[in-house]
Amino acid sequence: MSGSEPTHHQDLADQTVVVIGASSGIGLETARQVRAAGGQVVMVARDPKRLEAAAEEVRPRSTAVLDATDTERLQQFFGDLPYVVDHVISTAGGPLYAPLADMDLAETSRHFGERLAMTLGIAKYSRGRVRDAGTLLFIGGTGGRRPGIGRSVTGAMTAALPALTANLALELAPIRVNLIAAGFVDTPLSASLLGDQIDARREELRSSLPIRRVVGPEDVAALAVHIMRNEALTGATYDIDGGQQLLS
């Protein structure tokens, strides 16, 4: 047997995962699945009440109230962690849709800058707190790959994150860095963005997607856990959209 034979973790027993954005949606479901796989979680979110409610269910190793776009607080959080962790996943942040005519440039600049700074901040400040061959995992999207009115900002971010991920994978090696690019996922964030059109969107996707159902947070969380387990994966972007990109 070669000394370079790959390691395959069958579960997350004795591992600790920091989940940023853990109070709802993909983050909360990832925390649930990590716990189901035997791991411990550090749940991080900016809303203390929602975080408290989520923690009562998940029973994490610890919690922290934190707005991840505040890079000073992000630095303090990782600096104060009293132990090394195995993985960090960030589900924080959302898309910004606005046609050019209605665009608030100050808001747009703030959104784009905060998202990039948050991603870089997690990478920079988690060094020394994530074990070798552990994972940094970010959540992006696929919706901005197709040009459209109002998609300029989200399209630019959609293009930026895979390049950022690939470069960080080299800078942080042997820590692994990966990106999940999700299509529509049926989360509270999606419901808030679509309002009273959410049911129509769900029905449209059920009838048109090749998988004939809507992608849920449990699907994305399962992919996240797989990426944590498989130590051969780094620098890559993994799409999960139920085949949405295959449609015209």
Protein backbone atom coordinates (compact mmCIF):
# COMPACT_ATOMS: atom_id res chain seq x y z
CA MET A 1 0.00 0.00 0.00
CA SER A 2 1.42 3.38 -1.01
CA GLY A 3 1.99 6.05 1.61
CA SER A 4 0.19 8.51 -0.71
CA GLU A 5 -3.03 6.50 -0.74
CA PRO A 6 -6.02 8.87 -0.42
CA THR A 7 -7.94 9.18 2.82
CA HIS A 8 -11.73 8.80 2.69
CA HIS A 9 -13.70 9.91 5.72
CA GLN A 10 -16.86 7.86 5.99
CA ASP A 11 -18.40 10.26 8.48
CA LEU A 12 -17.65 13.47 10.35
CA ALA A 13 -17.18 11.92 13.79
CA ASP A 14 -14.83 13.96 15.97
CA GLN A 15 -14.81 16.79 13.41
CA THR A 16 -15.97 20.37 13.99
CA VAL A 17 -17.58 22.53 11.32
CA VAL A 18 -18.04 26.29 11.54
CA VAL A 19 -21.29 27.20 9.77
CA ILE A 20 -21.63 30.89 8.94
CA GLY A 21 -25.24 31.75 8.20
CA ALA A 22 -26.45 28.86 10.34
CA SER A 23 -29.82 30.17 11.52
CA SER A 24 -31.89 29.21 8.45
CA GLY A 25 -31.93 27.74 4.96
CA ILE A 26 -28.83 26.00 3.62
CA GLY A 27 -26.74 26.88 6.67
CA LEU A 28 -29.19 25.42 9.16
CA GLU A 29 -29.68 22.27 7.09
CA THR A 30 -25.90 21.85 6.79
CA ALA A 31 -25.61 22.09 10.57
CA ARG A 32 -28.30 19.41 10.92
CA GLN A 33 -26.55 17.06 8.50
CA VAL A 34 -23.15 17.56 10.11
CA ARG A 35 -24.65 16.61 13.45
CA ALA A 36 -26.37 13.59 11.88
CA ALA A 37 -22.97 12.50 10.51
CA GLY A 38 -21.47 12.62 13.99
CA GLY A 39 -19.79 16.02 13.79
CA GLN A 40 -19.89 19.07 15.99
CA VAL A 41 -20.89 22.53 14.76
CA VAL A 42 -20.11 26.12 15.64
CA MET A 43 -23.19 28.04 14.55
CA VAL A 44 -22.66 31.63 13.44
CA ALA A 45 -25.40 34.07 12.40
CA ARG A 46 -26.23 37.74 12.70
CA ASP A 47 -29.77 37.47 14.13
CA PRO A 48 -29.52 36.43 17.80
CA LYS A 49 -33.13 35.28 18.16
CA ARG A 50 -33.08 33.08 15.06
CA LEU A 51 -29.69 31.72 16.04
CA GLU A 52 -30.94 30.85 19.51
CA ALA A 53 -33.95 29.01 18.07
CA ALA A 54 -31.77 27.07 15.62
CA ALA A 55 -29.27 26.19 18.33
CA GLU A 56 -32.00 24.72 20.52
CA GLU A 57 -32.68 22.21 17.75
CA VAL A 58 -29.12 21.47 16.61
CA ARG A 59 -27.33 21.64 19.99
CA PRO A 60 -24.03 22.97 18.68
CA ARG A 61 -20.60 23.01 20.28
CA SER A 62 -20.93 26.79 20.48
CA THR A 63 -22.61 29.78 18.84
CA ALA A 64 -21.57 33.29 17.87
CA VAL A 65 -23.62 36.30 16.83
CA LEU A 66 -21.76 37.83 13.92
CA ASP A 67 -22.39 39.78 10.73
CA ALA A 68 -19.81 38.18 8.43
CA THR A 69 -19.55 41.33 6.33
CA ASP A 70 -17.97 43.03 9.35
CA THR A 71 -14.39 41.93 8.72
CA GLU A 72 -13.14 43.25 12.07
CA ARG A 73 -15.63 41.05 13.90
CA LEU A 74 -14.75 38.19 11.57
CA GLN A 75 -11.08 38.53 12.50
CA GLN A 76 -11.98 38.63 16.19
CA PHE A 77 -14.20 35.54 15.89
CA PHE A 78 -11.50 33.36 14.33
CA GLY A 79 -8.82 34.82 16.60
CA ASP A 80 -10.85 33.93 19.67
CA LEU A 81 -11.64 30.36 18.60
CA PRO A 82 -10.01 28.24 21.31
CA TYR A 83 -9.54 25.16 19.12
CA VAL A 84 -8.69 24.07 15.58
CA VAL A 85 -11.69 23.19 13.41
CA ASP A 86 -11.97 20.87 10.44
CA HIS A 87 -14.21 22.82 8.06
CA VAL A 88 -15.74 26.25 7.55
CA ILE A 89 -18.77 26.80 5.34
CA SER A 90 -20.26 30.21 4.62
CA THR A 91 -23.79 30.53 3.30
CA ALA A 92 -23.96 34.24 4.15
CA GLY A 93 -24.90 36.79 1.52
CA GLY A 94 -27.44 36.94 -1.24
CA PRO A 95 -27.84 38.23 -4.80
CA LEU A 96 -28.52 41.81 -5.80
CA TYR A 97 -30.83 42.27 -8.79
CA ALA A 98 -31.28 45.77 -10.19
CA PRO A 99 -31.61 47.20 -13.70
CA LEU A 100 -29.07 49.89 -14.47
CA ALA A 101 -31.72 52.64 -14.61
CA ASP A 102 -32.79 51.93 -11.03
CA MET A 103 -29.39 51.06 -9.62
CA ASP A 104 -28.13 52.78 -6.49
CA LEU A 105 -24.39 52.85 -7.15
CA ALA A 106 -23.49 53.35 -3.50
CA GLU A 107 -25.56 50.30 -2.52
CA THR A 108 -24.15 48.30 -5.41
CA SER A 109 -20.56 49.16 -4.53
CA ARG A 110 -21.20 48.28 -0.89
CA HIS A 111 -22.82 44.93 -1.80
CA PHE A 112 -20.05 43.86 -4.17
CA GLY A 113 -17.26 45.03 -1.88
CA GLU A 114 -18.74 43.43 1.22
CA ARG A 115 -19.23 40.08 -0.51
CA LEU A 116 -15.66 39.95 -1.78
CA ALA A 117 -14.24 41.22 1.52
CA MET A 118 -16.27 38.63 3.44
CA THR A 119 -14.96 35.78 1.29
CA LEU A 120 -11.37 37.00 1.51
CA GLY A 121 -11.78 37.70 5.23
CA ILE A 122 -12.94 34.16 5.96
CA ALA A 123 -9.97 32.82 4.01
CA LYS A 124 -7.46 35.18 5.65
CA TYR A 125 -8.59 34.99 9.24
CA SER A 126 -9.36 31.27 9.39
CA ARG A 127 -5.73 30.42 8.67
CA GLY A 128 -4.30 28.71 11.71
CA ARG A 129 -7.80 27.68 12.81
CA VAL A 130 -8.52 25.10 10.08
CA ARG A 131 -6.57 21.85 10.00
CA ASP A 132 -4.52 20.73 7.00
CA ALA A 133 -6.80 19.03 4.42
CA GLY A 134 -9.77 20.69 6.06
CA THR A 135 -12.21 22.73 4.00
CA LEU A 136 -13.29 26.26 3.30
CA LEU A 137 -16.56 26.07 1.42
CA PHE A 138 -18.49 28.99 -0.04
CA ILE A 139 -21.97 29.17 -1.53
CA GLY A 140 -22.51 31.04 -4.78
CA GLY A 141 -25.02 30.75 -7.59
CA THR A 142 -25.60 29.90 -11.23
CA GLY A 143 -28.31 32.44 -12.00
CA GLY A 144 -25.91 35.17 -13.08
CA ARG A 145 -24.26 33.08 -15.79
CA ARG A 146 -27.00 33.92 -18.25
CA PRO A 147 -27.11 37.63 -19.16
CA GLY A 148 -30.29 39.54 -18.50
CA ILE A 149 -31.66 42.90 -17.53
CA GLY A 150 -31.05 43.50 -13.84
CA ARG A 151 -28.38 40.79 -13.59
CA SER A 152 -25.24 42.90 -14.01
CA VAL A 153 -24.17 42.80 -10.38
CA THR A 154 -25.06 39.20 -9.66
CA GLY A 155 -23.51 38.18 -12.99
CA ALA A 156 -20.21 39.82 -12.06
CA MET A 157 -20.24 38.12 -8.65
CA THR A 158 -21.13 34.78 -10.21
CA ALA A 159 -18.07 35.09 -12.45
CA ALA A 160 -15.77 36.31 -9.68
CA LEU A 161 -16.33 33.62 -7.06
CA PRO A 162 -15.02 30.59 -9.05
CA ALA A 163 -11.82 32.49 -9.91
CA LEU A 164 -11.41 33.56 -6.30
CA THR A 165 -11.97 29.98 -5.13
CA ALA A 166 -9.34 28.54 -7.48
CA ASN A 167 -6.72 31.08 -6.41
CA LEU A 168 -7.44 30.65 -2.71
CA ALA A 169 -7.06 26.87 -3.08
CA LEU A 170 -3.43 27.45 -4.11
CA GLU A 171 -2.72 30.10 -1.47
CA LEU A 172 -4.20 28.13 1.41
CA ALA A 173 -3.04 24.62 0.45
CA PRO A 174 -3.17 22.05 1.98
CA ILE A 175 -6.44 23.50 3.26
CA ARG A 176 -9.01 22.83 0.53
CA VAL A 177 -11.18 25.61 -0.88
CA ASN A 178 -14.33 24.91 -2.91
CA LEU A 179 -17.47 26.65 -4.13
CA ILE A 180 -21.01 25.37 -4.47
CA ALA A 181 -22.94 27.18 -7.21
CA ALA A 182 -26.64 26.69 -6.57
CA GLY A 183 -29.56 27.43 -8.82
CA PHE A 184 -32.95 28.14 -7.30
CA VAL A 185 -33.13 26.61 -3.82
CA ASP A 186 -36.40 26.62 -1.88
CA THR A 187 -35.28 28.59 1.18
CA PRO A 188 -36.69 31.44 3.27
CA LEU A 189 -34.39 33.79 1.32
CA SER A 190 -35.93 32.68 -1.99
CA ALA A 191 -39.41 33.16 -0.54
CA SER A 192 -38.56 36.69 0.62
CA LEU A 193 -37.14 37.63 -2.79
CA LEU A 194 -40.13 36.31 -4.76
CA GLY A 195 -42.91 37.22 -2.36
CA ASP A 196 -46.34 36.12 -3.59
CA GLN A 197 -44.78 34.65 -6.74
CA ILE A 198 -42.96 31.88 -4.86
CA ASP A 199 -45.65 29.22 -5.39
CA ALA A 200 -45.79 29.88 -9.14
CA ARG A 201 -42.00 29.59 -9.33
CA ARG A 202 -42.05 26.28 -7.49
CA GLU A 203 -44.69 24.89 -9.82
CA GLU A 204 -42.80 26.09 -12.88
CA LEU A 205 -39.65 24.33 -11.72
CA ARG A 206 -41.47 21.10 -10.84
CA SER A 207 -42.80 20.90 -14.37
CA SER A 208 -39.66 22.01 -16.23
CA LEU A 209 -36.60 20.72 -14.36
CA PRO A 210 -35.21 17.36 -15.48
CA ILE A 211 -35.39 16.13 -11.87
CA ARG A 212 -39.11 17.08 -11.74
CA ARG A 213 -38.85 18.64 -8.31
CA VAL A 214 -37.49 21.77 -6.66
CA VAL A 215 -33.98 21.74 -5.21
CA GLY A 216 -34.11 22.13 -1.43
CA PRO A 217 -31.56 23.10 1.20
CA GLU A 218 -31.13 19.44 2.10
CA ASP A 219 -29.74 18.79 -1.40
CA VAL A 220 -27.15 21.54 -1.10
CA ALA A 221 -26.23 20.50 2.44
CA ALA A 222 -25.67 16.91 1.31
CA LEU A 223 -23.25 18.15 -1.37
CA ALA A 224 -21.48 20.31 1.21
CA VAL A 225 -20.97 17.35 3.54
CA HIS A 226 -19.66 15.25 0.65
CA ILE A 227 -17.08 17.93 -0.21
CA MET A 228 -15.98 18.04 3.41
CA ARG A 229 -15.51 14.27 3.46
CA ASN A 230 -13.65 13.90 0.14
CA GLU A 231 -10.10 15.11 0.62
CA ALA A 232 -9.29 15.02 -3.12
CA LEU A 233 -11.53 18.01 -3.89
CA THR A 234 -10.13 21.53 -4.02
CA GLY A 235 -10.25 24.65 -6.16
CA ALA A 236 -13.45 23.64 -7.92
CA THR A 237 -16.99 24.89 -8.41
CA TYR A 238 -19.81 22.36 -8.02
CA ASP A 239 -23.15 23.16 -9.65
CA ILE A 240 -26.40 22.03 -8.08
CA ASP A 241 -29.51 23.25 -9.86
CA GLY A 242 -31.58 20.19 -10.79
CA GLY A 243 -30.58 20.65 -14.44
CA GLN A 244 -31.86 24.23 -14.64
CA GLN A 245 -28.90 25.32 -16.81
CA LEU A 246 -29.84 22.74 -19.43
CA LEU A 247 -33.08 24.54 -20.21
CA SER A 248 -33.33 27.28 -22.80
